[in-house]
Amino acid sequence: MQKLIIQITSGKGPAECCRAVARTQQLMLAQAQQQKINLEILDRVEAEGTDTFKSVTVTAEGKNLDSFVEEWQGTVQWISPSPFRKQHKRKNWFIGVSVLPLNELPEWKEAEVKYETCRASGPGGQNVNKVETAVRGTHLPSGIQVLAMDSRSQLENKKLCLQRLQAKVMAWQTEKLIVQQQQQWLNHHQLERGNAVKTIRQPL
């Protein structure tokens, strides 16, 4: 059973590219379900518009990953009128899909996480309870923080905090590796000149 990390990125593209990231995520999730591939979202970096993302990072696990990855990895070209600028003449939008083996990421170490407890707060800053049940976790090497206060149980919040923090850290580590290995995807103009592995003609 293979397990990979996939990141969809708009590079430095405009809102239309960020919308293409969101739409590509939807198409990949639907295709993965049909092919019995398990895709789980690790992290999504929201853009300014509704239903737009600068990047989406997912884990993929299954037996048919080679053909799935071959279809998507690289530059994806969307051909669609702009949903944000009706008079805009441009119809070609480019995003990048990068794939990394999970074993390329640094080993996750809970010892590098610092926990703090605090009172969970409700609307208007009101304290939900007088007991410090909320848990904030900080990944010391990166400085990434997550606050969990879903449960009235401090132990449950700690578990949730750890799960969410690990997901964010994995997405952060993935981004660092992609920057090192695929510098062209950070530059939207280079990405646009790249040969698209997949062309999609659909409304954004």
N, C-alpha and C. Protein backbone atom coordinates (compact mmCIF):
# COMPACT_ATOMS: atom_id res chain seq x y z
N MET A 1 0.84 -1.19 0.00
CA MET A 1 0.00 0.00 0.00
C MET A 1 0.88 1.25 0.00
N GLN A 2 0.78 2.05 -1.04
CA GLN A 2 1.58 3.27 -1.15
C GLN A 2 0.94 4.41 -0.37
N LYS A 3 1.78 5.33 0.07
CA LYS A 3 1.28 6.53 0.73
C LYS A 3 2.13 7.71 0.31
N LEU A 4 1.48 8.75 -0.21
CA LEU A 4 2.16 9.92 -0.74
C LEU A 4 1.54 11.20 -0.19
N ILE A 5 2.27 12.29 -0.36
CA ILE A 5 1.72 13.61 -0.07
C ILE A 5 1.61 14.37 -1.38
N ILE A 6 0.46 14.96 -1.61
CA ILE A 6 0.21 15.72 -2.84
C ILE A 6 -0.12 17.16 -2.46
N GLN A 7 0.50 18.10 -3.13
CA GLN A 7 0.18 19.50 -2.90
C GLN A 7 -0.24 20.15 -4.22
N ILE A 8 -1.37 20.84 -4.17
CA ILE A 8 -1.87 21.62 -5.32
C ILE A 8 -1.60 23.08 -5.00
N THR A 9 -0.94 23.79 -5.90
CA THR A 9 -0.57 25.18 -5.60
C THR A 9 -0.88 26.11 -6.77
N SER A 10 -1.25 27.34 -6.41
CA SER A 10 -1.50 28.36 -7.43
C SER A 10 -0.24 29.12 -7.79
N GLY A 11 0.90 28.78 -7.16
CA GLY A 11 2.11 29.55 -7.37
C GLY A 11 1.88 31.00 -6.96
N LYS A 12 2.19 31.92 -7.85
CA LYS A 12 1.91 33.34 -7.60
C LYS A 12 0.76 33.82 -8.48
N GLY A 13 -0.08 32.88 -8.87
CA GLY A 13 -1.17 33.20 -9.77
C GLY A 13 -2.28 34.00 -9.12
N PRO A 14 -3.17 34.60 -9.93
CA PRO A 14 -4.27 35.43 -9.44
C PRO A 14 -5.41 34.58 -8.85
N ALA A 15 -6.52 35.25 -8.55
CA ALA A 15 -7.67 34.59 -7.93
C ALA A 15 -8.19 33.43 -8.78
N GLU A 16 -8.11 33.57 -10.10
CA GLU A 16 -8.59 32.50 -10.98
C GLU A 16 -7.79 31.21 -10.77
N CYS A 17 -6.50 31.36 -10.55
CA CYS A 17 -5.67 30.18 -10.28
C CYS A 17 -6.00 29.57 -8.92
N CYS A 18 -6.30 30.44 -7.95
CA CYS A 18 -6.69 29.95 -6.63
C CYS A 18 -8.01 29.20 -6.70
N ARG A 19 -8.90 29.67 -7.57
CA ARG A 19 -10.16 28.97 -7.79
C ARG A 19 -9.89 27.63 -8.48
N ALA A 20 -8.94 27.61 -9.40
CA ALA A 20 -8.58 26.37 -10.08
C ALA A 20 -8.02 25.34 -9.09
N VAL A 21 -7.30 25.80 -8.08
CA VAL A 21 -6.80 24.90 -7.03
C VAL A 21 -7.97 24.22 -6.32
N ALA A 22 -8.98 25.01 -5.96
CA ALA A 22 -10.16 24.46 -5.28
C ALA A 22 -10.90 23.46 -6.17
N ARG A 23 -11.05 23.80 -7.45
CA ARG A 23 -11.77 22.92 -8.37
C ARG A 23 -10.97 21.64 -8.64
N THR A 24 -9.65 21.77 -8.74
CA THR A 24 -8.81 20.59 -8.94
C THR A 24 -8.90 19.66 -7.75
N GLN A 25 -8.92 20.24 -6.55
CA GLN A 25 -9.08 19.44 -5.34
C GLN A 25 -10.38 18.62 -5.42
N GLN A 26 -11.47 19.24 -5.84
CA GLN A 26 -12.75 18.55 -5.95
C GLN A 26 -12.69 17.39 -6.95
N LEU A 27 -12.07 17.65 -8.10
CA LEU A 27 -11.96 16.62 -9.13
C LEU A 27 -11.09 15.45 -8.65
N MET A 28 -10.00 15.77 -7.97
CA MET A 28 -9.11 14.72 -7.48
C MET A 28 -9.79 13.87 -6.42
N LEU A 29 -10.54 14.51 -5.53
CA LEU A 29 -11.24 13.77 -4.48
C LEU A 29 -12.28 12.83 -5.08
N ALA A 30 -13.01 13.31 -6.10
CA ALA A 30 -14.03 12.48 -6.75
C ALA A 30 -13.37 11.30 -7.49
N GLN A 31 -12.27 11.57 -8.19
CA GLN A 31 -11.59 10.51 -8.92
C GLN A 31 -10.99 9.49 -7.96
N ALA A 32 -10.41 9.97 -6.87
CA ALA A 32 -9.80 9.08 -5.88
C ALA A 32 -10.85 8.14 -5.28
N GLN A 33 -12.03 8.66 -5.04
CA GLN A 33 -13.10 7.84 -4.48
C GLN A 33 -13.49 6.72 -5.45
N GLN A 34 -13.55 7.04 -6.73
CA GLN A 34 -13.89 6.04 -7.74
C GLN A 34 -12.82 4.96 -7.84
N GLN A 35 -11.55 5.37 -7.66
CA GLN A 35 -10.44 4.43 -7.79
C GLN A 35 -10.04 3.81 -6.46
N LYS A 36 -10.85 4.03 -5.43
CA LYS A 36 -10.61 3.48 -4.09
C LYS A 36 -9.26 3.91 -3.53
N ILE A 37 -8.94 5.18 -3.78
CA ILE A 37 -7.75 5.80 -3.19
C ILE A 37 -8.21 6.71 -2.07
N ASN A 38 -7.58 6.60 -0.94
CA ASN A 38 -7.96 7.40 0.21
C ASN A 38 -7.20 8.72 0.22
N LEU A 39 -7.91 9.82 0.01
CA LEU A 39 -7.31 11.16 0.07
C LEU A 39 -7.80 11.86 1.33
N GLU A 40 -6.88 12.36 2.11
CA GLU A 40 -7.22 13.11 3.33
C GLU A 40 -6.54 14.47 3.28
N ILE A 41 -7.32 15.51 3.54
CA ILE A 41 -6.79 16.87 3.50
C ILE A 41 -5.97 17.15 4.75
N LEU A 42 -4.72 17.52 4.55
CA LEU A 42 -3.85 17.90 5.66
C LEU A 42 -4.00 19.38 5.99
N ASP A 43 -3.98 20.20 4.95
CA ASP A 43 -3.98 21.65 5.18
C ASP A 43 -4.46 22.36 3.92
N ARG A 44 -5.14 23.48 4.13
CA ARG A 44 -5.56 24.32 3.02
C ARG A 44 -5.25 25.76 3.37
N VAL A 45 -4.58 26.45 2.48
CA VAL A 45 -4.27 27.87 2.67
C VAL A 45 -5.27 28.67 1.87
N GLU A 46 -6.15 29.37 2.56
CA GLU A 46 -7.23 30.08 1.89
C GLU A 46 -6.72 31.34 1.19
N ALA A 47 -7.33 31.65 0.06
CA ALA A 47 -7.06 32.90 -0.65
C ALA A 47 -8.17 33.89 -0.29
N GLU A 48 -8.18 35.04 -0.95
CA GLU A 48 -9.12 36.09 -0.56
C GLU A 48 -10.55 35.81 -1.02
N GLY A 49 -10.73 35.19 -2.15
CA GLY A 49 -12.08 34.97 -2.68
C GLY A 49 -12.77 33.77 -2.05
N THR A 50 -14.08 33.67 -2.26
CA THR A 50 -14.84 32.54 -1.78
C THR A 50 -14.48 31.29 -2.58
N ASP A 51 -14.31 30.16 -1.88
CA ASP A 51 -13.96 28.90 -2.53
C ASP A 51 -12.68 29.01 -3.36
N THR A 52 -11.69 29.68 -2.80
CA THR A 52 -10.39 29.77 -3.46
C THR A 52 -9.29 29.43 -2.46
N PHE A 53 -8.27 28.74 -2.93
CA PHE A 53 -7.16 28.34 -2.07
C PHE A 53 -5.83 28.62 -2.77
N LYS A 54 -4.88 29.13 -2.00
CA LYS A 54 -3.53 29.29 -2.54
C LYS A 54 -2.86 27.93 -2.70
N SER A 55 -3.15 27.04 -1.75
CA SER A 55 -2.61 25.68 -1.84
C SER A 55 -3.47 24.72 -1.03
N VAL A 56 -3.44 23.47 -1.43
CA VAL A 56 -4.11 22.39 -0.72
C VAL A 56 -3.12 21.24 -0.62
N THR A 57 -2.94 20.71 0.59
CA THR A 57 -2.03 19.59 0.80
C THR A 57 -2.83 18.39 1.30
N VAL A 58 -2.66 17.24 0.64
CA VAL A 58 -3.41 16.04 1.01
C VAL A 58 -2.45 14.84 1.11
N THR A 59 -2.88 13.83 1.86
CA THR A 59 -2.19 12.54 1.83
C THR A 59 -3.01 11.60 0.94
N ALA A 60 -2.32 10.77 0.20
CA ALA A 60 -2.98 9.81 -0.69
C ALA A 60 -2.47 8.41 -0.35
N GLU A 61 -3.41 7.47 -0.19
CA GLU A 61 -3.04 6.09 0.16
C GLU A 61 -3.87 5.13 -0.67
N GLY A 62 -3.23 4.17 -1.29
CA GLY A 62 -3.97 3.20 -2.09
C GLY A 62 -3.05 2.35 -2.94
N LYS A 63 -3.65 1.47 -3.75
CA LYS A 63 -2.89 0.53 -4.58
C LYS A 63 -2.69 1.04 -6.00
N ASN A 64 -3.46 2.04 -6.39
CA ASN A 64 -3.40 2.51 -7.78
C ASN A 64 -2.81 3.92 -7.88
N LEU A 65 -1.86 4.22 -7.03
CA LEU A 65 -1.36 5.60 -6.97
C LEU A 65 -0.51 5.98 -8.19
N ASP A 66 0.17 5.02 -8.79
CA ASP A 66 1.08 5.35 -9.90
C ASP A 66 0.33 6.02 -11.06
N SER A 67 -0.76 5.41 -11.50
CA SER A 67 -1.52 5.98 -12.61
C SER A 67 -2.21 7.27 -12.21
N PHE A 68 -2.67 7.34 -10.96
CA PHE A 68 -3.32 8.54 -10.45
C PHE A 68 -2.33 9.71 -10.45
N VAL A 69 -1.14 9.47 -9.93
CA VAL A 69 -0.11 10.50 -9.85
C VAL A 69 0.35 10.91 -11.24
N GLU A 70 0.52 9.94 -12.14
CA GLU A 70 0.98 10.25 -13.49
C GLU A 70 0.02 11.19 -14.21
N GLU A 71 -1.26 11.04 -13.92
CA GLU A 71 -2.27 11.88 -14.58
C GLU A 71 -2.24 13.32 -14.09
N TRP A 72 -1.89 13.52 -12.80
CA TRP A 72 -2.02 14.85 -12.21
C TRP A 72 -0.71 15.59 -11.97
N GLN A 73 0.39 14.89 -11.76
CA GLN A 73 1.63 15.55 -11.34
C GLN A 73 2.19 16.45 -12.44
N GLY A 74 2.48 17.69 -12.08
CA GLY A 74 3.04 18.64 -13.02
C GLY A 74 2.18 19.89 -13.09
N THR A 75 2.13 20.51 -14.27
CA THR A 75 1.33 21.71 -14.47
C THR A 75 -0.04 21.34 -15.02
N VAL A 76 -1.08 21.86 -14.40
CA VAL A 76 -2.45 21.63 -14.86
C VAL A 76 -2.98 22.93 -15.45
N GLN A 77 -3.50 22.85 -16.65
CA GLN A 77 -4.03 24.02 -17.35
C GLN A 77 -5.55 24.00 -17.31
N TRP A 78 -6.14 25.07 -16.80
CA TRP A 78 -7.59 25.25 -16.83
C TRP A 78 -7.93 26.24 -17.95
N ILE A 79 -8.85 25.87 -18.81
CA ILE A 79 -9.32 26.77 -19.86
C ILE A 79 -10.75 27.17 -19.50
N SER A 80 -10.92 28.40 -19.09
CA SER A 80 -12.23 28.86 -18.62
C SER A 80 -12.25 30.38 -18.56
N PRO A 81 -13.39 31.00 -18.87
CA PRO A 81 -13.50 32.44 -18.64
C PRO A 81 -13.36 32.73 -17.15
N SER A 82 -12.89 33.91 -16.82
CA SER A 82 -12.72 34.29 -15.42
C SER A 82 -14.08 34.41 -14.73
N PRO A 83 -14.25 33.75 -13.56
CA PRO A 83 -15.50 33.91 -12.82
C PRO A 83 -15.52 35.19 -12.00
N PHE A 84 -14.39 35.89 -11.96
CA PHE A 84 -14.28 37.09 -11.13
C PHE A 84 -14.24 38.38 -11.97
N ARG A 85 -13.72 38.28 -13.20
CA ARG A 85 -13.58 39.46 -14.06
C ARG A 85 -14.24 39.13 -15.40
N LYS A 86 -15.50 39.48 -15.54
CA LYS A 86 -16.30 39.05 -16.69
C LYS A 86 -15.77 39.56 -18.02
N GLN A 87 -15.15 40.74 -18.03
CA GLN A 87 -14.65 41.30 -19.27
C GLN A 87 -13.20 40.90 -19.57
N HIS A 88 -12.63 40.09 -18.68
CA HIS A 88 -11.23 39.70 -18.83
C HIS A 88 -11.08 38.74 -20.01
N LYS A 89 -10.14 38.99 -20.91
CA LYS A 89 -10.00 38.19 -22.12
C LYS A 89 -9.26 36.87 -21.87
N ARG A 90 -8.45 36.84 -20.85
CA ARG A 90 -7.64 35.64 -20.62
C ARG A 90 -8.52 34.46 -20.20
N LYS A 91 -8.22 33.28 -20.77
CA LYS A 91 -8.99 32.08 -20.44
C LYS A 91 -8.11 30.91 -20.01
N ASN A 92 -6.79 31.10 -19.99
CA ASN A 92 -5.86 30.04 -19.60
C ASN A 92 -5.28 30.31 -18.22
N TRP A 93 -5.45 29.35 -17.32
CA TRP A 93 -4.98 29.49 -15.94
C TRP A 93 -4.18 28.24 -15.58
N PHE A 94 -3.05 28.45 -14.90
CA PHE A 94 -2.13 27.34 -14.63
C PHE A 94 -1.88 27.17 -13.14
N ILE A 95 -1.89 25.91 -12.71
CA ILE A 95 -1.55 25.59 -11.32
C ILE A 95 -0.58 24.42 -11.33
N GLY A 96 0.05 24.14 -10.19
CA GLY A 96 1.02 23.06 -10.09
C GLY A 96 0.56 21.98 -9.13
N VAL A 97 0.83 20.72 -9.47
CA VAL A 97 0.55 19.59 -8.59
C VAL A 97 1.87 18.87 -8.34
N SER A 98 2.27 18.83 -7.07
CA SER A 98 3.55 18.21 -6.70
C SER A 98 3.29 16.99 -5.82
N VAL A 99 4.11 15.97 -5.98
CA VAL A 99 3.95 14.72 -5.23
C VAL A 99 5.25 14.37 -4.53
N LEU A 100 5.15 13.98 -3.26
CA LEU A 100 6.32 13.59 -2.48
C LEU A 100 6.04 12.29 -1.74
N PRO A 101 6.98 11.35 -1.72
CA PRO A 101 6.84 10.17 -0.86
C PRO A 101 6.81 10.60 0.61
N LEU A 102 5.96 9.97 1.38
CA LEU A 102 5.81 10.35 2.78
C LEU A 102 7.12 10.19 3.55
N ASN A 103 7.95 9.22 3.13
CA ASN A 103 9.19 8.97 3.88
C ASN A 103 10.25 10.04 3.67
N GLU A 104 9.98 11.00 2.76
CA GLU A 104 10.94 12.09 2.57
C GLU A 104 10.79 13.18 3.64
N LEU A 105 9.67 13.16 4.36
CA LEU A 105 9.46 14.16 5.40
C LEU A 105 10.26 13.79 6.65
N PRO A 106 10.71 14.80 7.40
CA PRO A 106 11.40 14.52 8.67
C PRO A 106 10.48 13.75 9.61
N GLU A 107 11.08 12.95 10.46
CA GLU A 107 10.31 12.15 11.42
C GLU A 107 9.55 13.06 12.40
N TRP A 108 8.28 12.74 12.61
CA TRP A 108 7.46 13.50 13.56
C TRP A 108 7.85 13.11 14.98
N LYS A 109 8.15 14.12 15.80
CA LYS A 109 8.55 13.88 17.18
C LYS A 109 7.66 14.69 18.13
N GLU A 110 6.85 13.98 18.91
CA GLU A 110 5.98 14.68 19.85
C GLU A 110 6.80 15.41 20.92
N ALA A 111 8.04 14.97 21.13
CA ALA A 111 8.90 15.63 22.12
C ALA A 111 9.21 17.07 21.72
N GLU A 112 9.01 17.42 20.45
CA GLU A 112 9.26 18.78 19.98
C GLU A 112 8.03 19.68 20.11
N VAL A 113 6.99 19.15 20.77
CA VAL A 113 5.75 19.91 20.95
C VAL A 113 5.65 20.40 22.40
N LYS A 114 5.35 21.69 22.56
CA LYS A 114 5.13 22.27 23.88
C LYS A 114 3.64 22.50 24.06
N TYR A 115 3.09 22.00 25.17
CA TYR A 115 1.67 22.14 25.45
C TYR A 115 1.43 23.20 26.51
N GLU A 116 0.33 23.93 26.33
CA GLU A 116 -0.12 24.89 27.34
C GLU A 116 -1.63 24.74 27.48
N THR A 117 -2.14 24.87 28.68
CA THR A 117 -3.58 24.80 28.89
C THR A 117 -4.12 26.19 29.18
N CYS A 118 -5.37 26.42 28.79
CA CYS A 118 -6.02 27.69 29.03
C CYS A 118 -7.53 27.48 29.06
N ARG A 119 -8.25 28.48 29.50
CA ARG A 119 -9.70 28.37 29.55
C ARG A 119 -10.29 28.55 28.16
N ALA A 120 -11.23 27.69 27.83
CA ALA A 120 -11.93 27.82 26.56
C ALA A 120 -12.84 29.03 26.63
N SER A 121 -12.86 29.81 25.57
CA SER A 121 -13.69 31.02 25.55
C SER A 121 -14.79 30.90 24.51
N GLY A 122 -15.92 31.51 24.81
CA GLY A 122 -17.06 31.49 23.91
C GLY A 122 -17.21 32.80 23.18
N PRO A 123 -18.39 33.07 22.59
CA PRO A 123 -18.62 34.33 21.89
C PRO A 123 -18.42 35.53 22.80
N GLY A 124 -17.78 36.55 22.26
CA GLY A 124 -17.58 37.77 23.04
C GLY A 124 -16.49 37.63 24.07
N GLY A 125 -15.73 36.53 24.00
CA GLY A 125 -14.63 36.35 24.95
C GLY A 125 -15.07 35.78 26.28
N GLN A 126 -16.34 35.37 26.41
CA GLN A 126 -16.82 34.81 27.66
C GLN A 126 -16.19 33.45 27.89
N ASN A 127 -15.84 33.16 29.13
CA ASN A 127 -15.28 31.86 29.46
C ASN A 127 -16.38 30.81 29.45
N VAL A 128 -16.14 29.73 28.71
CA VAL A 128 -17.12 28.65 28.67
C VAL A 128 -17.15 27.92 29.99
N ASN A 129 -15.99 27.76 30.60
CA ASN A 129 -15.93 27.13 31.92
C ASN A 129 -14.74 27.69 32.68
N LYS A 130 -14.70 27.39 33.95
CA LYS A 130 -13.66 27.93 34.81
C LYS A 130 -12.44 27.02 34.88
N VAL A 131 -12.51 25.89 34.23
CA VAL A 131 -11.39 24.94 34.24
C VAL A 131 -10.61 25.08 32.93
N GLU A 132 -9.31 24.97 33.01
CA GLU A 132 -8.46 25.13 31.82
C GLU A 132 -8.49 23.84 30.99
N THR A 133 -9.50 23.74 30.14
CA THR A 133 -9.63 22.53 29.32
C THR A 133 -9.07 22.70 27.92
N ALA A 134 -8.95 23.93 27.44
CA ALA A 134 -8.39 24.16 26.11
C ALA A 134 -6.89 23.89 26.13
N VAL A 135 -6.38 23.40 25.00
CA VAL A 135 -4.95 23.05 24.92
C VAL A 135 -4.35 23.70 23.67
N ARG A 136 -3.25 24.42 23.89
CA ARG A 136 -2.50 25.01 22.79
C ARG A 136 -1.19 24.24 22.63
N GLY A 137 -0.94 23.78 21.42
CA GLY A 137 0.30 23.07 21.14
C GLY A 137 1.18 23.88 20.21
N THR A 138 2.47 23.94 20.51
CA THR A 138 3.43 24.66 19.68
C THR A 138 4.52 23.71 19.22
N HIS A 139 4.71 23.63 17.91
CA HIS A 139 5.81 22.83 17.36
C HIS A 139 7.05 23.72 17.40
N LEU A 140 7.95 23.41 18.30
CA LEU A 140 9.08 24.30 18.59
C LEU A 140 9.98 24.57 17.38
N PRO A 141 10.33 23.59 16.55
CA PRO A 141 11.22 23.89 15.42
C PRO A 141 10.63 24.87 14.42
N SER A 142 9.31 24.83 14.23
CA SER A 142 8.68 25.69 13.22
C SER A 142 7.94 26.88 13.81
N GLY A 143 7.55 26.78 15.08
CA GLY A 143 6.76 27.84 15.70
C GLY A 143 5.27 27.74 15.38
N ILE A 144 4.86 26.70 14.67
CA ILE A 144 3.44 26.52 14.32
C ILE A 144 2.65 26.21 15.58
N GLN A 145 1.48 26.87 15.71
CA GLN A 145 0.64 26.67 16.88
C GLN A 145 -0.76 26.22 16.48
N VAL A 146 -1.37 25.43 17.35
CA VAL A 146 -2.76 25.00 17.17
C VAL A 146 -3.45 25.06 18.53
N LEU A 147 -4.68 25.57 18.55
CA LEU A 147 -5.48 25.63 19.78
C LEU A 147 -6.68 24.73 19.61
N ALA A 148 -6.89 23.80 20.52
CA ALA A 148 -8.04 22.90 20.50
C ALA A 148 -8.88 23.13 21.75
N MET A 149 -10.17 23.40 21.55
CA MET A 149 -11.08 23.59 22.68
C MET A 149 -12.46 23.02 22.36
N ASP A 150 -12.47 21.98 21.52
CA ASP A 150 -13.73 21.37 21.09
C ASP A 150 -14.45 20.65 22.22
N SER A 151 -13.67 20.04 23.11
CA SER A 151 -14.23 19.19 24.15
C SER A 151 -14.09 19.83 25.53
N ARG A 152 -14.90 19.36 26.47
CA ARG A 152 -14.74 19.79 27.86
C ARG A 152 -13.67 18.98 28.57
N SER A 153 -13.12 18.00 27.85
CA SER A 153 -12.06 17.17 28.40
C SER A 153 -10.71 17.68 27.93
N GLN A 154 -9.84 17.98 28.88
CA GLN A 154 -8.50 18.45 28.52
C GLN A 154 -7.73 17.38 27.77
N LEU A 155 -7.92 16.12 28.16
CA LEU A 155 -7.21 15.02 27.50
C LEU A 155 -7.64 14.89 26.05
N GLU A 156 -8.95 15.01 25.80
CA GLU A 156 -9.47 14.93 24.43
C GLU A 156 -8.97 16.09 23.59
N ASN A 157 -8.95 17.28 24.19
CA ASN A 157 -8.45 18.45 23.48
C ASN A 157 -6.96 18.30 23.14
N LYS A 158 -6.23 17.67 24.03
CA LYS A 158 -4.80 17.46 23.78
C LYS A 158 -4.61 16.53 22.57
N LYS A 159 -5.45 15.48 22.48
CA LYS A 159 -5.36 14.56 21.35
C LYS A 159 -5.70 15.29 20.04
N LEU A 160 -6.76 16.09 20.07
CA LEU A 160 -7.16 16.84 18.88
C LEU A 160 -6.08 17.84 18.48
N CYS A 161 -5.52 18.50 19.48
CA CYS A 161 -4.46 19.48 19.25
C CYS A 161 -3.26 18.82 18.56
N LEU A 162 -2.88 17.64 19.05
CA LEU A 162 -1.73 16.94 18.49
C LEU A 162 -1.99 16.51 17.05
N GLN A 163 -3.19 16.00 16.78
CA GLN A 163 -3.54 15.58 15.42
C GLN A 163 -3.48 16.74 14.45
N ARG A 164 -4.08 17.87 14.84
CA ARG A 164 -4.13 19.02 13.94
C ARG A 164 -2.76 19.65 13.77
N LEU A 165 -1.99 19.67 14.83
CA LEU A 165 -0.65 20.24 14.75
C LEU A 165 0.24 19.40 13.85
N GLN A 166 0.14 18.08 13.97
CA GLN A 166 0.94 17.20 13.11
C GLN A 166 0.59 17.41 11.65
N ALA A 167 -0.71 17.58 11.36
CA ALA A 167 -1.13 17.80 9.98
C ALA A 167 -0.57 19.12 9.44
N LYS A 168 -0.61 20.17 10.24
CA LYS A 168 -0.09 21.47 9.80
C LYS A 168 1.42 21.42 9.61
N VAL A 169 2.10 20.72 10.49
CA VAL A 169 3.56 20.62 10.39
C VAL A 169 3.94 19.82 9.14
N MET A 170 3.19 18.75 8.85
CA MET A 170 3.47 17.96 7.64
C MET A 170 3.27 18.81 6.39
N ALA A 171 2.23 19.64 6.40
CA ALA A 171 2.00 20.52 5.25
C ALA A 171 3.13 21.53 5.12
N TRP A 172 3.60 22.06 6.24
CA TRP A 172 4.71 23.02 6.25
C TRP A 172 5.99 22.36 5.73
N GLN A 173 6.27 21.14 6.19
CA GLN A 173 7.46 20.42 5.74
C GLN A 173 7.38 20.10 4.25
N THR A 174 6.17 19.74 3.80
CA THR A 174 5.97 19.46 2.38
C THR A 174 6.28 20.70 1.54
N GLU A 175 5.77 21.84 1.99
CA GLU A 175 6.01 23.09 1.28
C GLU A 175 7.51 23.38 1.17
N LYS A 176 8.24 23.16 2.24
CA LYS A 176 9.69 23.40 2.23
C LYS A 176 10.40 22.50 1.21
N LEU A 177 10.00 21.23 1.17
CA LEU A 177 10.63 20.31 0.23
C LEU A 177 10.29 20.66 -1.21
N ILE A 178 9.04 21.06 -1.43
CA ILE A 178 8.64 21.43 -2.78
C ILE A 178 9.39 22.67 -3.25
N VAL A 179 9.58 23.62 -2.34
CA VAL A 179 10.34 24.83 -2.68
C VAL A 179 11.76 24.44 -3.11
N GLN A 180 12.34 23.49 -2.41
CA GLN A 180 13.70 23.07 -2.74
C GLN A 180 13.75 22.31 -4.06
N GLN A 181 12.75 21.45 -4.30
CA GLN A 181 12.81 20.57 -5.46
C GLN A 181 12.16 21.15 -6.72
N GLN A 182 11.18 22.03 -6.54
CA GLN A 182 10.43 22.54 -7.69
C GLN A 182 10.34 24.06 -7.63
N GLN A 183 11.45 24.74 -7.76
CA GLN A 183 11.47 26.20 -7.67
C GLN A 183 10.59 26.86 -8.73
N GLN A 184 10.44 26.21 -9.86
CA GLN A 184 9.67 26.84 -10.93
C GLN A 184 8.21 27.02 -10.56
N TRP A 185 7.69 26.25 -9.62
CA TRP A 185 6.28 26.37 -9.27
C TRP A 185 6.03 27.57 -8.37
N LEU A 186 7.09 28.16 -7.85
CA LEU A 186 6.92 29.37 -7.05
C LEU A 186 6.81 30.60 -7.95
N ASN A 187 7.25 30.45 -9.17
CA ASN A 187 7.21 31.56 -10.11
C ASN A 187 6.11 31.30 -11.12
N HIS A 188 5.05 32.05 -11.05
CA HIS A 188 3.89 31.75 -11.88
C HIS A 188 4.19 31.88 -13.37
N HIS A 189 5.09 32.75 -13.73
CA HIS A 189 5.41 32.93 -15.14
C HIS A 189 6.13 31.69 -15.68
N GLN A 190 7.00 31.10 -14.88
CA GLN A 190 7.67 29.87 -15.29
C GLN A 190 6.67 28.73 -15.35
N LEU A 191 5.78 28.68 -14.37
CA LEU A 191 4.77 27.64 -14.34
C LEU A 191 3.91 27.71 -15.59
N GLU A 192 3.57 28.93 -16.01
CA GLU A 192 2.71 29.12 -17.17
C GLU A 192 3.39 28.63 -18.44
N ARG A 193 4.71 28.78 -18.52
CA ARG A 193 5.42 28.36 -19.71
C ARG A 193 5.65 26.84 -19.75
N GLY A 194 5.40 26.20 -18.60
CA GLY A 194 5.63 24.76 -18.54
C GLY A 194 4.64 23.99 -19.39
N ASN A 195 4.99 22.78 -19.75
CA ASN A 195 4.10 21.94 -20.53
C ASN A 195 3.06 21.33 -19.61
N ALA A 196 1.81 21.58 -19.85
CA ALA A 196 0.74 21.06 -19.00
C ALA A 196 0.61 19.55 -19.17
N VAL A 197 0.52 18.83 -18.05
CA VAL A 197 0.30 17.39 -18.11
C VAL A 197 -1.19 17.10 -18.23
N LYS A 198 -2.01 18.08 -17.90
CA LYS A 198 -3.46 17.89 -17.94
C LYS A 198 -4.12 19.21 -18.29
N THR A 199 -5.06 19.17 -19.22
CA THR A 199 -5.82 20.37 -19.61
C THR A 199 -7.29 20.13 -19.30
N ILE A 200 -7.90 21.06 -18.61
CA ILE A 200 -9.30 20.93 -18.21
C ILE A 200 -10.09 22.09 -18.77
N ARG A 201 -11.16 21.78 -19.50
CA ARG A 201 -12.05 22.81 -20.05
C ARG A 201 -13.37 22.75 -19.29
N GLN A 202 -13.44 23.54 -18.23
CA GLN A 202 -14.63 23.60 -17.39
C GLN A 202 -14.73 25.00 -16.80
N PRO A 203 -15.96 25.43 -16.49
CA PRO A 203 -16.10 26.71 -15.78
C PRO A 203 -15.44 26.62 -14.41
N LEU A 204 -14.75 27.69 -14.05
CA LEU A 204 -14.19 27.77 -12.71
C LEU A 204 -15.27 28.14 -11.72
